[in-house]
């Protein structure tokens, strides 16, 4: 029974966790911060390498600059806790050199593996934070503005941002806000091999989201806001610039 209850707590936490962008004016104490970080360290990691580093942003000036670089989102600067998870191929290069090894530069496969490590660690952190009553929001915009981000965070050539997460105690309104619905399982899970989606599948996939606007109007608006946006173009330019530092 106890094991069943523990499992239920974990599953309920995963189902209820949602993005939080409005925080109470309340700091996150050092013990809670340490628990969130420890949860990140316990995440699955390729070959136990922990191919990531975490920048714990404390300086208000750096938070404010990140808020500006990440599409002028002021709530980032107000967040009590800001973590930037880096896909870090630099630290193992240093370890190899210290052992007298003339290692090859990290390649694109290496950085994608490191990116996965960083993202998995970040997800452990947000899950633990939610269990501790702390809300969080992923900031994908940290992939943009390559040159300014390298300068601000003093990034070496073979490390790049994977995700940024901001944390804080959610306001009552944020706690009560419904979590957006996810896609139905039959439109996400494919057995044994990829199944090409049809137009009918796409309509079923988004049926719970389009509402009264209808499929065509909703998808056109979403495409303009996300996929065809200026920030998407900048993200792709910036990521290409990072990847130039990783060989074939």
C-alpha atoms as a PDB file:
ATOM      1  CA  UNK A   1       0.000   0.000   0.000  1.00  0.00           C
ATOM      2  CA  UNK A   2       2.808   2.405   0.913  1.00  0.00           C
ATOM      3  CA  UNK A   3       4.539   1.754  -2.418  1.00  0.00           C
ATOM      4  CA  UNK A   4       1.264   2.345  -4.264  1.00  0.00           C
ATOM      5  CA  UNK A   5       0.806   5.656  -2.449  1.00  0.00           C
ATOM      6  CA  UNK A   6       4.350   6.754  -3.276  1.00  0.00           C
ATOM      7  CA  UNK A   7       3.805   5.912  -6.921  1.00  0.00           C
ATOM      8  CA  UNK A   8       0.547   7.846  -6.925  1.00  0.00           C
ATOM      9  CA  UNK A   9       2.267  10.928  -5.499  1.00  0.00           C
ATOM     10  CA  UNK A  10       4.874  10.833  -8.285  1.00  0.00           C
ATOM     11  CA  UNK A  11       2.317  10.276 -11.046  1.00  0.00           C
ATOM     12  CA  UNK A  12      -0.029  12.951  -9.702  1.00  0.00           C
ATOM     13  CA  UNK A  13       2.867  15.394  -9.548  1.00  0.00           C
ATOM     14  CA  UNK A  14       3.815  14.759 -13.175  1.00  0.00           C
ATOM     15  CA  UNK A  15       0.200  15.160 -14.267  1.00  0.00           C
ATOM     16  CA  UNK A  16      -0.438  18.345 -12.288  1.00  0.00           C
ATOM     17  CA  UNK A  17       2.820  20.209 -12.924  1.00  0.00           C
ATOM     18  CA  UNK A  18       2.279  23.142 -15.273  1.00  0.00           C
ATOM     19  CA  UNK A  19       4.200  26.184 -16.440  1.00  0.00           C
ATOM     20  CA  UNK A  20       4.229  29.056 -13.933  1.00  0.00           C
ATOM     21  CA  UNK A  21       5.168  32.584 -14.953  1.00  0.00           C
ATOM     22  CA  UNK A  22       3.811  34.648 -12.061  1.00  0.00           C
ATOM     23  CA  UNK A  23       5.485  34.176  -8.702  1.00  0.00           C
ATOM     24  CA  UNK A  24       4.859  35.254  -5.147  1.00  0.00           C
ATOM     25  CA  UNK A  25       7.277  37.794  -3.724  1.00  0.00           C
ATOM     26  CA  UNK A  26       9.035  35.081  -1.741  1.00  0.00           C
ATOM     27  CA  UNK A  27      12.594  33.844  -1.911  1.00  0.00           C
ATOM     28  CA  UNK A  28      13.598  30.198  -2.332  1.00  0.00           C
ATOM     29  CA  UNK A  29      15.775  29.236   0.624  1.00  0.00           C
ATOM     30  CA  UNK A  30      19.158  27.578   0.214  1.00  0.00           C
ATOM     31  CA  UNK A  31      17.954  24.174   1.417  1.00  0.00           C
ATOM     32  CA  UNK A  32      15.174  24.069  -1.189  1.00  0.00           C
ATOM     33  CA  UNK A  33      17.572  25.242  -3.903  1.00  0.00           C
ATOM     34  CA  UNK A  34      19.975  22.463  -2.954  1.00  0.00           C
ATOM     35  CA  UNK A  35      17.195  19.852  -3.121  1.00  0.00           C
ATOM     36  CA  UNK A  36      16.167  21.029  -6.588  1.00  0.00           C
ATOM     37  CA  UNK A  37      19.766  20.869  -7.812  1.00  0.00           C
ATOM     38  CA  UNK A  38      20.347  17.460  -6.233  1.00  0.00           C
ATOM     39  CA  UNK A  39      17.276  16.168  -8.079  1.00  0.00           C
ATOM     40  CA  UNK A  40      18.837  17.409 -11.330  1.00  0.00           C
ATOM     41  CA  UNK A  41      22.061  15.544 -10.563  1.00  0.00           C
ATOM     42  CA  UNK A  42      20.125  12.294 -10.042  1.00  0.00           C
ATOM     43  CA  UNK A  43      18.658  12.373 -13.563  1.00  0.00           C
ATOM     44  CA  UNK A  44      19.548   9.691 -16.119  1.00  0.00           C
ATOM     45  CA  UNK A  45      22.792  10.613 -17.883  1.00  0.00           C
ATOM     46  CA  UNK A  46      24.751   9.064 -20.734  1.00  0.00           C
ATOM     47  CA  UNK A  47      27.494   6.849 -19.327  1.00  0.00           C
ATOM     48  CA  UNK A  48      27.247   8.665 -15.979  1.00  0.00           C
ATOM     49  CA  UNK A  49      29.102  11.557 -17.624  1.00  0.00           C
ATOM     50  CA  UNK A  50      26.707  14.380 -16.632  1.00  0.00           C
ATOM     51  CA  UNK A  51      27.361  16.098 -19.938  1.00  0.00           C
ATOM     52  CA  UNK A  52      25.918  19.357 -18.647  1.00  0.00           C
ATOM     53  CA  UNK A  53      26.774  22.286 -16.447  1.00  0.00           C
ATOM     54  CA  UNK A  54      24.264  24.465 -14.630  1.00  0.00           C
ATOM     55  CA  UNK A  55      24.651  28.222 -14.283  1.00  0.00           C
ATOM     56  CA  UNK A  56      22.831  29.348 -11.144  1.00  0.00           C
ATOM     57  CA  UNK A  57      22.055  32.976 -11.951  1.00  0.00           C
ATOM     58  CA  UNK A  58      21.969  35.063  -8.770  1.00  0.00           C
ATOM     59  CA  UNK A  59      23.034  38.540  -9.955  1.00  0.00           C
ATOM     60  CA  UNK A  60      20.012  40.728 -10.687  1.00  0.00           C
ATOM     61  CA  UNK A  61      21.808  42.449 -13.548  1.00  0.00           C
ATOM     62  CA  UNK A  62      22.359  39.100 -15.274  1.00  0.00           C
ATOM     63  CA  UNK A  63      18.693  38.124 -14.763  1.00  0.00           C
ATOM     64  CA  UNK A  64      17.610  41.416 -16.308  1.00  0.00           C
ATOM     65  CA  UNK A  65      19.907  40.944 -19.288  1.00  0.00           C
ATOM     66  CA  UNK A  66      18.608  37.396 -19.790  1.00  0.00           C
ATOM     67  CA  UNK A  67      15.053  38.739 -19.680  1.00  0.00           C
ATOM     68  CA  UNK A  68      15.887  41.179 -22.467  1.00  0.00           C
ATOM     69  CA  UNK A  69      17.760  38.636 -24.591  1.00  0.00           C
ATOM     70  CA  UNK A  70      14.942  36.101 -24.180  1.00  0.00           C
ATOM     71  CA  UNK A  71      12.281  38.074 -26.063  1.00  0.00           C
ATOM     72  CA  UNK A  72      11.903  40.834 -23.437  1.00  0.00           C
ATOM     73  CA  UNK A  73      10.111  38.593 -20.933  1.00  0.00           C
ATOM     74  CA  UNK A  74      10.162  40.620 -17.732  1.00  0.00           C
ATOM     75  CA  UNK A  75       9.035  37.787 -15.476  1.00  0.00           C
ATOM     76  CA  UNK A  76      12.466  36.181 -15.905  1.00  0.00           C
ATOM     77  CA  UNK A  77      14.076  39.084 -14.064  1.00  0.00           C
ATOM     78  CA  UNK A  78      11.534  38.720 -11.239  1.00  0.00           C
ATOM     79  CA  UNK A  79      12.061  34.985 -10.743  1.00  0.00           C
ATOM     80  CA  UNK A  80      13.659  34.032  -7.404  1.00  0.00           C
ATOM     81  CA  UNK A  81      15.697  31.252  -9.032  1.00  0.00           C
ATOM     82  CA  UNK A  82      17.101  31.058 -12.556  1.00  0.00           C
ATOM     83  CA  UNK A  83      19.046  28.062 -13.857  1.00  0.00           C
ATOM     84  CA  UNK A  84      20.673  27.806 -17.282  1.00  0.00           C
ATOM     85  CA  UNK A  85      21.411  24.187 -18.241  1.00  0.00           C
ATOM     86  CA  UNK A  86      24.313  23.951 -20.657  1.00  0.00           C
ATOM     87  CA  UNK A  87      25.139  21.120 -23.026  1.00  0.00           C
ATOM     88  CA  UNK A  88      28.770  21.007 -21.942  1.00  0.00           C
ATOM     89  CA  UNK A  89      31.367  19.147 -23.985  1.00  0.00           C
ATOM     90  CA  UNK A  90      34.147  21.337 -22.616  1.00  0.00           C
ATOM     91  CA  UNK A  91      34.704  19.812 -19.176  1.00  0.00           C
ATOM     92  CA  UNK A  92      35.432  16.282 -20.425  1.00  0.00           C
ATOM     93  CA  UNK A  93      37.835  17.754 -22.992  1.00  0.00           C
ATOM     94  CA  UNK A  94      39.734  19.305 -20.079  1.00  0.00           C
ATOM     95  CA  UNK A  95      39.710  15.972 -18.224  1.00  0.00           C
ATOM     96  CA  UNK A  96      41.064  14.154 -21.288  1.00  0.00           C
ATOM     97  CA  UNK A  97      43.823  16.747 -21.710  1.00  0.00           C
ATOM     98  CA  UNK A  98      44.759  16.440 -18.025  1.00  0.00           C
ATOM     99  CA  UNK A  99      45.232  12.709 -18.575  1.00  0.00           C
ATOM    100  CA  UNK A 100      47.591  13.427 -21.474  1.00  0.00           C
ATOM    101  CA  UNK A 101      45.096  12.526 -24.192  1.00  0.00           C
ATOM    102  CA  UNK A 102      45.027  14.489 -27.455  1.00  0.00           C
ATOM    103  CA  UNK A 103      41.308  14.073 -27.942  1.00  0.00           C
ATOM    104  CA  UNK A 104      39.270  14.978 -30.986  1.00  0.00           C
ATOM    105  CA  UNK A 105      37.009  18.028 -30.750  1.00  0.00           C
ATOM    106  CA  UNK A 106      33.434  17.226 -29.778  1.00  0.00           C
ATOM    107  CA  UNK A 107      31.134  16.633 -32.743  1.00  0.00           C
ATOM    108  CA  UNK A 108      27.501  17.321 -33.427  1.00  0.00           C
ATOM    109  CA  UNK A 109      26.518  13.903 -32.083  1.00  0.00           C
ATOM    110  CA  UNK A 110      28.384  14.653 -28.862  1.00  0.00           C
ATOM    111  CA  UNK A 111      26.600  17.939 -28.320  1.00  0.00           C
ATOM    112  CA  UNK A 112      23.190  16.411 -29.054  1.00  0.00           C
ATOM    113  CA  UNK A 113      23.908  13.753 -26.436  1.00  0.00           C
ATOM    114  CA  UNK A 114      24.937  16.505 -24.017  1.00  0.00           C
ATOM    115  CA  UNK A 115      21.794  18.444 -24.907  1.00  0.00           C
ATOM    116  CA  UNK A 116      19.688  15.410 -23.965  1.00  0.00           C
ATOM    117  CA  UNK A 117      21.575  15.076 -20.666  1.00  0.00           C
ATOM    118  CA  UNK A 118      20.920  18.740 -19.865  1.00  0.00           C
ATOM    119  CA  UNK A 119      17.228  18.577 -20.752  1.00  0.00           C
ATOM    120  CA  UNK A 120      16.679  15.427 -18.685  1.00  0.00           C
ATOM    121  CA  UNK A 121      18.416  17.021 -15.699  1.00  0.00           C
ATOM    122  CA  UNK A 122      16.250  20.116 -16.089  1.00  0.00           C
ATOM    123  CA  UNK A 123      13.092  18.023 -16.102  1.00  0.00           C
ATOM    124  CA  UNK A 124      14.168  16.301 -12.894  1.00  0.00           C
ATOM    125  CA  UNK A 125      14.674  19.751 -11.384  1.00  0.00           C
ATOM    126  CA  UNK A 126      11.222  21.054 -12.318  1.00  0.00           C
ATOM    127  CA  UNK A 127       9.564  17.842 -11.113  1.00  0.00           C
ATOM    128  CA  UNK A 128      11.322  18.071  -7.759  1.00  0.00           C
ATOM    129  CA  UNK A 129      10.523  21.772  -7.498  1.00  0.00           C
ATOM    130  CA  UNK A 130       6.815  21.101  -8.048  1.00  0.00           C
ATOM    131  CA  UNK A 131       6.855  18.487  -5.289  1.00  0.00           C
ATOM    132  CA  UNK A 132       8.353  21.155  -3.014  1.00  0.00           C
ATOM    133  CA  UNK A 133       5.640  23.682  -3.894  1.00  0.00           C
ATOM    134  CA  UNK A 134       7.856  25.626  -6.303  1.00  0.00           C
ATOM    135  CA  UNK A 135       6.606  26.404  -9.807  1.00  0.00           C
ATOM    136  CA  UNK A 136       8.772  26.712 -12.896  1.00  0.00           C
ATOM    137  CA  UNK A 137       8.814  27.714 -16.546  1.00  0.00           C
ATOM    138  CA  UNK A 138      11.075  26.537 -19.355  1.00  0.00           C
ATOM    139  CA  UNK A 139      12.562  29.360 -21.455  1.00  0.00           C
ATOM    140  CA  UNK A 140      13.417  28.111 -24.933  1.00  0.00           C
ATOM    141  CA  UNK A 141      14.479  31.612 -26.011  1.00  0.00           C
ATOM    142  CA  UNK A 142      17.849  31.009 -24.348  1.00  0.00           C
ATOM    143  CA  UNK A 143      18.830  29.349 -27.647  1.00  0.00           C
ATOM    144  CA  UNK A 144      18.631  32.747 -29.362  1.00  0.00           C
ATOM    145  CA  UNK A 145      21.134  35.618 -29.512  1.00  0.00           C
ATOM    146  CA  UNK A 146      24.243  33.434 -29.697  1.00  0.00           C
ATOM    147  CA  UNK A 147      26.835  36.189 -29.594  1.00  0.00           C
ATOM    148  CA  UNK A 148      25.266  38.121 -26.712  1.00  0.00           C
ATOM    149  CA  UNK A 149      24.589  34.947 -24.730  1.00  0.00           C
ATOM    150  CA  UNK A 150      28.189  33.744 -25.102  1.00  0.00           C
ATOM    151  CA  UNK A 151      29.413  37.107 -23.845  1.00  0.00           C
ATOM    152  CA  UNK A 152      26.960  37.301 -20.943  1.00  0.00           C
ATOM    153  CA  UNK A 153      27.490  33.762 -19.651  1.00  0.00           C
ATOM    154  CA  UNK A 154      31.174  33.573 -20.665  1.00  0.00           C
ATOM    155  CA  UNK A 155      30.610  30.329 -22.543  1.00  0.00           C
ATOM    156  CA  UNK A 156      33.549  28.306 -23.908  1.00  0.00           C
ATOM    157  CA  UNK A 157      33.449  27.183 -27.534  1.00  0.00           C
ATOM    158  CA  UNK A 158      32.226  23.666 -26.791  1.00  0.00           C
ATOM    159  CA  UNK A 159      29.353  24.498 -24.464  1.00  0.00           C
ATOM    160  CA  UNK A 160      25.959  25.879 -25.418  1.00  0.00           C
ATOM    161  CA  UNK A 161      22.668  26.611 -23.673  1.00  0.00           C
ATOM    162  CA  UNK A 162      20.181  23.749 -23.785  1.00  0.00           C
ATOM    163  CA  UNK A 163      17.353  25.106 -21.648  1.00  0.00           C
ATOM    164  CA  UNK A 164      16.791  27.819 -19.080  1.00  0.00           C
ATOM    165  CA  UNK A 165      14.310  27.345 -16.255  1.00  0.00           C
ATOM    166  CA  UNK A 166      12.958  29.987 -13.891  1.00  0.00           C
ATOM    167  CA  UNK A 167      11.536  28.987 -10.516  1.00  0.00           C
ATOM    168  CA  UNK A 168       9.348  30.592  -7.876  1.00  0.00           C
ATOM    169  CA  UNK A 169       6.366  30.017  -5.628  1.00  0.00           C
ATOM    170  CA  UNK A 170       3.210  30.293  -7.768  1.00  0.00           C
ATOM    171  CA  UNK A 171       0.531  32.825  -6.917  1.00  0.00           C
ATOM    172  CA  UNK A 172      -2.877  31.497  -5.918  1.00  0.00           C
ATOM    173  CA  UNK A 173      -4.242  32.312  -9.354  1.00  0.00           C
ATOM    174  CA  UNK A 174      -1.408  30.352 -10.976  1.00  0.00           C
ATOM    175  CA  UNK A 175      -2.075  27.382  -8.707  1.00  0.00           C
ATOM    176  CA  UNK A 176      -5.746  27.363  -9.725  1.00  0.00           C
ATOM    177  CA  UNK A 177      -5.114  27.854 -13.448  1.00  0.00           C
ATOM    178  CA  UNK A 178      -6.031  24.703 -15.410  1.00  0.00           C
ATOM    179  CA  UNK A 179      -3.215  22.826 -17.094  1.00  0.00           C
ATOM    180  CA  UNK A 180      -3.477  22.839 -20.912  1.00  0.00           C
ATOM    181  CA  UNK A 181      -4.615  19.561 -22.418  1.00  0.00           C
ATOM    182  CA  UNK A 182      -2.057  17.324 -24.125  1.00  0.00           C
ATOM    183  CA  UNK A 183      -2.521  15.500 -27.415  1.00  0.00           C
ATOM    184  CA  UNK A 184      -4.384  12.165 -27.338  1.00  0.00           C
ATOM    185  CA  UNK A 185      -2.110   9.140 -26.946  1.00  0.00           C
ATOM    186  CA  UNK A 186      -3.151   7.593 -30.253  1.00  0.00           C
ATOM    187  CA  UNK A 187      -1.775  10.645 -32.081  1.00  0.00           C
ATOM    188  CA  UNK A 188       1.570  10.501 -30.266  1.00  0.00           C
ATOM    189  CA  UNK A 189       2.434   6.834 -29.702  1.00  0.00           C
ATOM    190  CA  UNK A 190       3.438   4.760 -32.728  1.00  0.00           C
ATOM    191  CA  UNK A 191       4.033   1.036 -32.452  1.00  0.00           C
ATOM    192  CA  UNK A 192       7.252  -0.473 -33.821  1.00  0.00           C
ATOM    193  CA  UNK A 193       7.901   2.156 -36.512  1.00  0.00           C
ATOM    194  CA  UNK A 194       6.918   5.640 -37.613  1.00  0.00           C
ATOM    195  CA  UNK A 195       3.385   5.991 -38.897  1.00  0.00           C
ATOM    196  CA  UNK A 196       2.924   8.902 -41.269  1.00  0.00           C
ATOM    197  CA  UNK A 197       0.146  11.194 -40.091  1.00  0.00           C
ATOM    198  CA  UNK A 198      -2.724  12.082 -42.383  1.00  0.00           C
ATOM    199  CA  UNK A 199      -4.538  15.385 -42.485  1.00  0.00           C
ATOM    200  CA  UNK A 200      -7.360  13.707 -40.586  1.00  0.00           C
ATOM    201  CA  UNK A 201      -4.852  12.652 -37.916  1.00  0.00           C
ATOM    202  CA  UNK A 202      -3.647  16.258 -37.610  1.00  0.00           C
ATOM    203  CA  UNK A 203      -7.204  17.465 -37.074  1.00  0.00           C
ATOM    204  CA  UNK A 204      -7.779  14.833 -34.397  1.00  0.00           C
ATOM    205  CA  UNK A 205      -4.444  15.679 -32.803  1.00  0.00           C
ATOM    206  CA  UNK A 206      -5.437  19.323 -32.278  1.00  0.00           C
ATOM    207  CA  UNK A 207      -9.169  18.933 -31.762  1.00  0.00           C
ATOM    208  CA  UNK A 208      -9.019  19.856 -28.072  1.00  0.00           C
ATOM    209  CA  UNK A 209      -7.118  23.079 -28.813  1.00  0.00           C
ATOM    210  CA  UNK A 210      -8.751  24.770 -31.768  1.00  0.00           C
ATOM    211  CA  UNK A 211     -12.075  25.562 -30.085  1.00  0.00           C
ATOM    212  CA  UNK A 212     -14.598  27.765 -31.886  1.00  0.00           C
ATOM    213  CA  UNK A 213     -11.962  29.209 -34.200  1.00  0.00           C
ATOM    214  CA  UNK A 214     -11.798  25.961 -36.148  1.00  0.00           C
ATOM    215  CA  UNK A 215      -8.784  24.002 -37.321  1.00  0.00           C
ATOM    216  CA  UNK A 216      -7.661  26.108 -40.291  1.00  0.00           C
ATOM    217  CA  UNK A 217      -7.809  29.479 -38.537  1.00  0.00           C
ATOM    218  CA  UNK A 218      -6.202  28.204 -35.335  1.00  0.00           C
ATOM    219  CA  UNK A 219      -3.338  26.455 -37.139  1.00  0.00           C
ATOM    220  CA  UNK A 220      -2.642  29.474 -39.382  1.00  0.00           C
ATOM    221  CA  UNK A 221      -2.451  31.741 -36.340  1.00  0.00           C
ATOM    222  CA  UNK A 222      -0.222  29.275 -34.489  1.00  0.00           C
ATOM    223  CA  UNK A 223       2.074  28.942 -37.512  1.00  0.00           C
ATOM    224  CA  UNK A 224       2.449  32.724 -37.778  1.00  0.00           C
ATOM    225  CA  UNK A 225       3.043  33.152 -34.040  1.00  0.00           C
ATOM    226  CA  UNK A 226       5.525  30.294 -33.605  1.00  0.00           C
ATOM    227  CA  UNK A 227       6.954  28.612 -36.694  1.00  0.00           C
ATOM    228  CA  UNK A 228       7.125  31.585 -39.080  1.00  0.00           C
ATOM    229  CA  UNK A 229       8.061  34.100 -36.380  1.00  0.00           C
ATOM    230  CA  UNK A 230      11.121  36.320 -36.160  1.00  0.00           C
ATOM    231  CA  UNK A 231      12.206  34.574 -32.971  1.00  0.00           C
ATOM    232  CA  UNK A 232      12.119  31.164 -34.682  1.00  0.00           C
ATOM    233  CA  UNK A 233      14.358  32.489 -37.449  1.00  0.00           C
ATOM    234  CA  UNK A 234      16.751  33.957 -34.866  1.00  0.00           C
ATOM    235  CA  UNK A 235      16.773  30.705 -32.896  1.00  0.00           C
ATOM    236  CA  UNK A 236      17.779  28.721 -35.986  1.00  0.00           C
ATOM    237  CA  UNK A 237      20.484  31.258 -36.881  1.00  0.00           C
ATOM    238  CA  UNK A 238      21.831  31.239 -33.336  1.00  0.00           C
ATOM    239  CA  UNK A 239      21.853  27.451 -32.986  1.00  0.00           C
ATOM    240  CA  UNK A 240      23.657  27.142 -36.323  1.00  0.00           C
ATOM    241  CA  UNK A 241      26.308  29.509 -34.960  1.00  0.00           C
ATOM    242  CA  UNK A 242      26.757  27.345 -31.845  1.00  0.00           C
ATOM    243  CA  UNK A 243      26.989  24.186 -33.938  1.00  0.00           C
ATOM    244  CA  UNK A 244      29.825  25.616 -36.004  1.00  0.00           C
ATOM    245  CA  UNK A 245      32.003  24.868 -32.964  1.00  0.00           C
ATOM    246  CA  UNK A 246      31.173  21.157 -33.166  1.00  0.00           C
ATOM    247  CA  UNK A 247      32.696  19.134 -35.962  1.00  0.00           C
ATOM    248  CA  UNK A 248      31.132  16.521 -38.220  1.00  0.00           C
END
